[in-house]
Amino acid sequence: MRTSPSGRAAIAAREGVVLTAYKDSAGILTIGVGHTSAAGPPKVTSGMRITAKEADEILSRDLAAVEADVNRIVS
């Protein structure tokens, strides 16, 4: 399973794309499309800034882990 372009767009629309680190509603530093340090690199730090391209690359890495889990469970 791989997230389709429309699926990625839906995730980005729901989460938003924020290029400067911010604290989410739970007080967790977040950047890009809902990326937190708990999801893996990069570690989100206060004042961190990324480009839209970097946000898309981070989203790809974050989704890859979830896609791998789905593929393992469904196979």
PDB file of N, CA and C in Angstrom:
ATOM      1  N   MET A   1       0.849  -1.164   0.000  1.00  0.00           N
ATOM      2  CA  MET A   1       0.000   0.000   0.000  1.00  0.00           C
ATOM      3  C   MET A   1       0.891   1.222   0.000  1.00  0.00           C
ATOM      4  N   ARG A   2       0.500   2.178  -0.791  1.00  0.00           N
ATOM      5  CA  ARG A   2       1.212   3.445  -0.835  1.00  0.00           C
ATOM      6  C   ARG A   2       0.173   4.552  -0.882  1.00  0.00           C
ATOM      7  N   THR A   3       0.386   5.592  -0.120  1.00  0.00           N
ATOM      8  CA  THR A   3      -0.555   6.704  -0.074  1.00  0.00           C
ATOM      9  C   THR A   3      -0.576   7.395  -1.435  1.00  0.00           C
ATOM     10  N   SER A   4      -1.757   7.567  -1.983  1.00  0.00           N
ATOM     11  CA  SER A   4      -1.908   8.190  -3.292  1.00  0.00           C
ATOM     12  C   SER A   4      -1.672   9.697  -3.207  1.00  0.00           C
ATOM     13  N   PRO A   5      -1.441  10.333  -4.344  1.00  0.00           N
ATOM     14  CA  PRO A   5      -1.304  11.793  -4.343  1.00  0.00           C
ATOM     15  C   PRO A   5      -2.529  12.493  -3.748  1.00  0.00           C
ATOM     16  N   SER A   6      -3.727  11.976  -4.023  1.00  0.00           N
ATOM     17  CA  SER A   6      -4.922  12.611  -3.447  1.00  0.00           C
ATOM     18  C   SER A   6      -4.995  12.364  -1.941  1.00  0.00           C
ATOM     19  N   GLY A   7      -4.495  11.220  -1.501  1.00  0.00           N
ATOM     20  CA  GLY A   7      -4.436  10.944  -0.066  1.00  0.00           C
ATOM     21  C   GLY A   7      -3.460  11.874   0.636  1.00  0.00           C
ATOM     22  N   ARG A   8      -2.294  12.084   0.011  1.00  0.00           N
ATOM     23  CA  ARG A   8      -1.307  13.014   0.562  1.00  0.00           C
ATOM     24  C   ARG A   8      -1.879  14.427   0.622  1.00  0.00           C
ATOM     25  N   ALA A   9      -2.600  14.819  -0.426  1.00  0.00           N
ATOM     26  CA  ALA A   9      -3.214  16.159  -0.458  1.00  0.00           C
ATOM     27  C   ALA A   9      -4.259  16.294   0.643  1.00  0.00           C
ATOM     28  N   ALA A  10      -5.022  15.232   0.871  1.00  0.00           N
ATOM     29  CA  ALA A  10      -6.041  15.267   1.928  1.00  0.00           C
ATOM     30  C   ALA A  10      -5.392  15.388   3.304  1.00  0.00           C
ATOM     31  N   ILE A  11      -4.294  14.673   3.516  1.00  0.00           N
ATOM     32  CA  ILE A  11      -3.581  14.766   4.792  1.00  0.00           C
ATOM     33  C   ILE A  11      -3.057  16.188   4.991  1.00  0.00           C
ATOM     34  N   ALA A  12      -2.438  16.740   3.950  1.00  0.00           N
ATOM     35  CA  ALA A  12      -1.897  18.099   4.032  1.00  0.00           C
ATOM     36  C   ALA A  12      -3.002  19.118   4.266  1.00  0.00           C
ATOM     37  N   ALA A  13      -4.154  18.927   3.632  1.00  0.00           N
ATOM     38  CA  ALA A  13      -5.273  19.857   3.828  1.00  0.00           C
ATOM     39  C   ALA A  13      -5.796  19.777   5.257  1.00  0.00           C
ATOM     40  N   ARG A  14      -5.860  18.580   5.795  1.00  0.00           N
ATOM     41  CA  ARG A  14      -6.374  18.393   7.158  1.00  0.00           C
ATOM     42  C   ARG A  14      -5.396  18.919   8.205  1.00  0.00           C
ATOM     43  N   GLU A  15      -4.118  18.560   8.047  1.00  0.00           N
ATOM     44  CA  GLU A  15      -3.089  18.947   9.016  1.00  0.00           C
ATOM     45  C   GLU A  15      -2.605  20.376   8.808  1.00  0.00           C
ATOM     46  N   GLY A  16      -2.595  20.808   7.559  1.00  0.00           N
ATOM     47  CA  GLY A  16      -1.983  22.077   7.211  1.00  0.00           C
ATOM     48  C   GLY A  16      -0.498  21.861   6.991  1.00  0.00           C
ATOM     49  N   VAL A  17       0.133  22.809   6.339  1.00  0.00           N
ATOM     50  CA  VAL A  17       1.571  22.750   6.097  1.00  0.00           C
ATOM     51  C   VAL A  17       2.162  24.007   6.729  1.00  0.00           C
ATOM     52  N   VAL A  18       2.892  23.814   7.815  1.00  0.00           N
ATOM     53  CA  VAL A  18       3.471  24.936   8.565  1.00  0.00           C
ATOM     54  C   VAL A  18       4.985  24.803   8.505  1.00  0.00           C
ATOM     55  N   LEU A  19       5.635  25.825   7.960  1.00  0.00           N
ATOM     56  CA  LEU A  19       7.069  25.744   7.692  1.00  0.00           C
ATOM     57  C   LEU A  19       7.950  26.247   8.823  1.00  0.00           C
ATOM     58  N   THR A  20       7.342  26.713   9.893  1.00  0.00           N
ATOM     59  CA  THR A  20       8.067  27.142  11.090  1.00  0.00           C
ATOM     60  C   THR A  20       7.545  26.327  12.268  1.00  0.00           C
ATOM     61  N   ALA A  21       8.448  25.846  13.106  1.00  0.00           N
ATOM     62  CA  ALA A  21       8.045  25.015  14.246  1.00  0.00           C
ATOM     63  C   ALA A  21       7.060  25.758  15.143  1.00  0.00           C
ATOM     64  N   TYR A  22       6.069  25.022  15.616  1.00  0.00           N
ATOM     65  CA  TYR A  22       5.052  25.572  16.511  1.00  0.00           C
ATOM     66  C   TYR A  22       4.649  24.495  17.503  1.00  0.00           C
ATOM     67  N   LYS A  23       4.008  24.907  18.581  1.00  0.00           N
ATOM     68  CA  LYS A  23       3.478  23.932  19.537  1.00  0.00           C
ATOM     69  C   LYS A  23       2.036  23.629  19.150  1.00  0.00           C
ATOM     70  N   ASP A  24       1.742  22.341  19.011  1.00  0.00           N
ATOM     71  CA  ASP A  24       0.378  21.944  18.669  1.00  0.00           C
ATOM     72  C   ASP A  24      -0.529  22.067  19.891  1.00  0.00           C
ATOM     73  N   SER A  25      -1.766  21.647  19.754  1.00  0.00           N
ATOM     74  CA  SER A  25      -2.744  21.812  20.843  1.00  0.00           C
ATOM     75  C   SER A  25      -2.354  21.042  22.104  1.00  0.00           C
ATOM     76  N   ALA A  26      -1.468  20.047  21.968  1.00  0.00           N
ATOM     77  CA  ALA A  26      -0.993  19.290  23.130  1.00  0.00           C
ATOM     78  C   ALA A  26       0.337  19.835  23.654  1.00  0.00           C
ATOM     79  N   GLY A  27       0.822  20.933  23.026  1.00  0.00           N
ATOM     80  CA  GLY A  27       2.071  21.540  23.461  1.00  0.00           C
ATOM     81  C   GLY A  27       3.319  20.878  22.902  1.00  0.00           C
ATOM     82  N   ILE A  28       3.157  20.060  21.850  1.00  0.00           N
ATOM     83  CA  ILE A  28       4.279  19.343  21.250  1.00  0.00           C
ATOM     84  C   ILE A  28       4.797  20.115  20.046  1.00  0.00           C
ATOM     85  N   LEU A  29       6.123  20.311  19.980  1.00  0.00           N
ATOM     86  CA  LEU A  29       6.709  20.992  18.829  1.00  0.00           C
ATOM     87  C   LEU A  29       6.425  20.204  17.558  1.00  0.00           C
ATOM     88  N   THR A  30       5.934  20.907  16.558  1.00  0.00           N
ATOM     89  CA  THR A  30       5.465  20.304  15.314  1.00  0.00           C
ATOM     90  C   THR A  30       5.933  21.170  14.151  1.00  0.00           C
ATOM     91  N   ILE A  31       6.119  20.550  12.991  1.00  0.00           N
ATOM     92  CA  ILE A  31       6.507  21.298  11.797  1.00  0.00           C
ATOM     93  C   ILE A  31       6.023  20.539  10.567  1.00  0.00           C
ATOM     94  N   GLY A  32       5.949  21.227   9.447  1.00  0.00           N
ATOM     95  CA  GLY A  32       5.557  20.577   8.192  1.00  0.00           C
ATOM     96  C   GLY A  32       4.108  20.152   8.235  1.00  0.00           C
ATOM     97  N   VAL A  33       3.871  18.904   7.851  1.00  0.00           N
ATOM     98  CA  VAL A  33       2.514  18.351   7.820  1.00  0.00           C
ATOM     99  C   VAL A  33       2.315  17.491   9.063  1.00  0.00           C
ATOM    100  N   GLY A  34       2.279  18.145  10.230  1.00  0.00           N
ATOM    101  CA  GLY A  34       2.038  17.441  11.478  1.00  0.00           C
ATOM    102  C   GLY A  34       3.195  16.604  11.984  1.00  0.00           C
ATOM    103  N   HIS A  35       4.412  16.893  11.535  1.00  0.00           N
ATOM    104  CA  HIS A  35       5.578  16.108  11.957  1.00  0.00           C
ATOM    105  C   HIS A  35       6.030  16.510  13.353  1.00  0.00           C
ATOM    106  N   THR A  36       6.261  15.500  14.203  1.00  0.00           N
ATOM    107  CA  THR A  36       6.846  15.706  15.528  1.00  0.00           C
ATOM    108  C   THR A  36       8.106  14.862  15.632  1.00  0.00           C
ATOM    109  N   SER A  37       8.936  15.176  16.598  1.00  0.00           N
ATOM    110  CA  SER A  37      10.180  14.420  16.783  1.00  0.00           C
ATOM    111  C   SER A  37       9.912  12.945  17.052  1.00  0.00           C
ATOM    112  N   ALA A  38       8.771  12.622  17.643  1.00  0.00           N
ATOM    113  CA  ALA A  38       8.435  11.230  17.949  1.00  0.00           C
ATOM    114  C   ALA A  38       8.325  10.378  16.684  1.00  0.00           C
ATOM    115  N   ALA A  39       8.053  11.009  15.545  1.00  0.00           N
ATOM    116  CA  ALA A  39       7.921  10.273  14.286  1.00  0.00           C
ATOM    117  C   ALA A  39       9.267   9.931  13.675  1.00  0.00           C
ATOM    118  N   GLY A  40      10.335  10.525  14.203  1.00  0.00           N
ATOM    119  CA  GLY A  40      11.671  10.291  13.661  1.00  0.00           C
ATOM    120  C   GLY A  40      12.278  11.581  13.159  1.00  0.00           C
ATOM    121  N   PRO A  41      13.433  11.476  12.492  1.00  0.00           N
ATOM    122  CA  PRO A  41      14.128  12.676  12.019  1.00  0.00           C
ATOM    123  C   PRO A  41      13.269  13.469  11.031  1.00  0.00           C
ATOM    124  N   PRO A  42      13.457  14.755  11.004  1.00  0.00           N
ATOM    125  CA  PRO A  42      14.353  15.537  11.844  1.00  0.00           C
ATOM    126  C   PRO A  42      13.723  15.849  13.193  1.00  0.00           C
ATOM    127  N   LYS A  43      14.590  16.064  14.183  1.00  0.00           N
ATOM    128  CA  LYS A  43      14.113  16.487  15.490  1.00  0.00           C
ATOM    129  C   LYS A  43      13.618  17.924  15.349  1.00  0.00           C
ATOM    130  N   VAL A  44      12.410  18.181  15.828  1.00  0.00           N
ATOM    131  CA  VAL A  44      11.829  19.519  15.738  1.00  0.00           C
ATOM    132  C   VAL A  44      12.333  20.351  16.915  1.00  0.00           C
ATOM    133  N   THR A  45      12.886  21.510  16.592  1.00  0.00           N
ATOM    134  CA  THR A  45      13.407  22.405  17.619  1.00  0.00           C
ATOM    135  C   THR A  45      12.729  23.763  17.510  1.00  0.00           C
ATOM    136  N   SER A  46      12.692  24.474  18.604  1.00  0.00           N
ATOM    137  CA  SER A  46      12.088  25.805  18.632  1.00  0.00           C
ATOM    138  C   SER A  46      12.801  26.708  17.625  1.00  0.00           C
ATOM    139  N   GLY A  47      12.034  27.423  16.826  1.00  0.00           N
ATOM    140  CA  GLY A  47      12.589  28.334  15.838  1.00  0.00           C
ATOM    141  C   GLY A  47      12.975  27.668  14.521  1.00  0.00           C
ATOM    142  N   MET A  48      12.832  26.354  14.437  1.00  0.00           N
ATOM    143  CA  MET A  48      13.198  25.610  13.227  1.00  0.00           C
ATOM    144  C   MET A  48      12.342  26.065  12.050  1.00  0.00           C
ATOM    145  N   ARG A  49      12.972  26.155  10.877  1.00  0.00           N
ATOM    146  CA  ARG A  49      12.271  26.514   9.654  1.00  0.00           C
ATOM    147  C   ARG A  49      12.638  25.494   8.573  1.00  0.00           C
ATOM    148  N   ILE A  50      11.672  25.152   7.723  1.00  0.00           N
ATOM    149  CA  ILE A  50      11.921  24.247   6.611  1.00  0.00           C
ATOM    150  C   ILE A  50      11.264  24.824   5.360  1.00  0.00           C
ATOM    151  N   THR A  51      11.605  24.261   4.211  1.00  0.00           N
ATOM    152  CA  THR A  51      10.980  24.659   2.955  1.00  0.00           C
ATOM    153  C   THR A  51       9.776  23.754   2.677  1.00  0.00           C
ATOM    154  N   ALA A  52       8.964  24.143   1.713  1.00  0.00           N
ATOM    155  CA  ALA A  52       7.829  23.294   1.321  1.00  0.00           C
ATOM    156  C   ALA A  52       8.325  21.947   0.806  1.00  0.00           C
ATOM    157  N   LYS A  53       9.449  21.948   0.094  1.00  0.00           N
ATOM    158  CA  LYS A  53      10.024  20.690  -0.409  1.00  0.00           C
ATOM    159  C   LYS A  53      10.433  19.797   0.754  1.00  0.00           C
ATOM    160  N   GLU A  54      11.062  20.387   1.768  1.00  0.00           N
ATOM    161  CA  GLU A  54      11.457  19.605   2.938  1.00  0.00           C
ATOM    162  C   GLU A  54      10.229  19.059   3.667  1.00  0.00           C
ATOM    163  N   ALA A  55       9.172  19.853   3.757  1.00  0.00           N
ATOM    164  CA  ALA A  55       7.939  19.380   4.402  1.00  0.00           C
ATOM    165  C   ALA A  55       7.399  18.159   3.674  1.00  0.00           C
ATOM    166  N   ASP A  56       7.440  18.178   2.343  1.00  0.00           N
ATOM    167  CA  ASP A  56       6.969  17.044   1.553  1.00  0.00           C
ATOM    168  C   ASP A  56       7.868  15.821   1.754  1.00  0.00           C
ATOM    169  N   GLU A  57       9.176  16.039   1.838  1.00  0.00           N
ATOM    170  CA  GLU A  57      10.110  14.929   2.074  1.00  0.00           C
ATOM    171  C   GLU A  57       9.895  14.310   3.454  1.00  0.00           C
ATOM    172  N   ILE A  58       9.672  15.143   4.451  1.00  0.00           N
ATOM    173  CA  ILE A  58       9.416  14.646   5.815  1.00  0.00           C
ATOM    174  C   ILE A  58       8.113  13.860   5.833  1.00  0.00           C
ATOM    175  N   LEU A  59       7.083  14.377   5.167  1.00  0.00           N
ATOM    176  CA  LEU A  59       5.801  13.662   5.092  1.00  0.00           C
ATOM    177  C   LEU A  59       6.009  12.296   4.448  1.00  0.00           C
ATOM    178  N   SER A  60       6.802  12.239   3.389  1.00  0.00           N
ATOM    179  CA  SER A  60       7.069  10.955   2.725  1.00  0.00           C
ATOM    180  C   SER A  60       7.699   9.956   3.688  1.00  0.00           C
ATOM    181  N   ARG A  61       8.667  10.404   4.471  1.00  0.00           N
ATOM    182  CA  ARG A  61       9.314   9.509   5.449  1.00  0.00           C
ATOM    183  C   ARG A  61       8.320   9.075   6.526  1.00  0.00           C
ATOM    184  N   ASP A  62       7.538  10.028   7.023  1.00  0.00           N
ATOM    185  CA  ASP A  62       6.559   9.688   8.066  1.00  0.00           C
ATOM    186  C   ASP A  62       5.538   8.679   7.543  1.00  0.00           C
ATOM    187  N   LEU A  63       5.071   8.880   6.319  1.00  0.00           N
ATOM    188  CA  LEU A  63       4.083   7.957   5.746  1.00  0.00           C
ATOM    189  C   LEU A  63       4.692   6.590   5.456  1.00  0.00           C
ATOM    190  N   ALA A  64       5.960   6.548   5.079  1.00  0.00           N
ATOM    191  CA  ALA A  64       6.604   5.275   4.735  1.00  0.00           C
ATOM    192  C   ALA A  64       6.532   4.289   5.903  1.00  0.00           C
ATOM    193  N   ALA A  65       6.718   4.782   7.104  1.00  0.00           N
ATOM    194  CA  ALA A  65       6.661   3.901   8.279  1.00  0.00           C
ATOM    195  C   ALA A  65       5.256   3.322   8.455  1.00  0.00           C
ATOM    196  N   VAL A  66       4.261   4.144   8.285  1.00  0.00           N
ATOM    197  CA  VAL A  66       2.873   3.692   8.439  1.00  0.00           C
ATOM    198  C   VAL A  66       2.503   2.753   7.292  1.00  0.00           C
ATOM    199  N   GLU A  67       2.909   3.100   6.076  1.00  0.00           N
ATOM    200  CA  GLU A  67       2.622   2.248   4.920  1.00  0.00           C
ATOM    201  C   GLU A  67       3.263   0.866   5.104  1.00  0.00           C
ATOM    202  N   ALA A  68       4.476   0.822   5.619  1.00  0.00           N
ATOM    203  CA  ALA A  68       5.154  -0.455   5.849  1.00  0.00           C
ATOM    204  C   ALA A  68       4.385  -1.295   6.860  1.00  0.00           C
ATOM    205  N   ASP A  69       3.881  -0.660   7.918  1.00  0.00           N
ATOM    206  CA  ASP A  69       3.095  -1.388   8.926  1.00  0.00           C
ATOM    207  C   ASP A  69       1.820  -1.954   8.296  1.00  0.00           C
ATOM    208  N   VAL A  70       1.135  -1.158   7.506  1.00  0.00           N
ATOM    209  CA  VAL A  70      -0.099  -1.630   6.851  1.00  0.00           C
ATOM    210  C   VAL A  70       0.224  -2.790   5.926  1.00  0.00           C
ATOM    211  N   ASN A  71       1.264  -2.661   5.138  1.00  0.00           N
ATOM    212  CA  ASN A  71       1.647  -3.744   4.213  1.00  0.00           C
ATOM    213  C   ASN A  71       1.986  -5.030   4.960  1.00  0.00           C
ATOM    214  N   ARG A  72       2.673  -4.907   6.082  1.00  0.00           N
ATOM    215  CA  ARG A  72       3.044  -6.081   6.867  1.00  0.00           C
ATOM    216  C   ARG A  72       1.798  -6.753   7.454  1.00  0.00           C
ATOM    217  N   ILE A  73       0.872  -5.960   7.943  1.00  0.00           N
ATOM    218  CA  ILE A  73      -0.319  -6.525   8.586  1.00  0.00           C
ATOM    219  C   ILE A  73      -1.285  -7.122   7.576  1.00  0.00           C
ATOM    220  N   VAL A  74      -1.420  -6.479   6.436  1.00  0.00           N
ATOM    221  CA  VAL A  74      -2.393  -6.918   5.431  1.00  0.00           C
ATOM    222  C   VAL A  74      -1.867  -8.093   4.604  1.00  0.00           C
ATOM    223  N   SER A  75      -0.576  -8.216   4.454  1.00  0.00           N
ATOM    224  CA  SER A  75      -0.003  -9.279   3.603  1.00  0.00           C
ATOM    225  C   SER A  75      -0.255 -10.643   4.150  1.00  0.00           C
TER     226      SER A  75
END
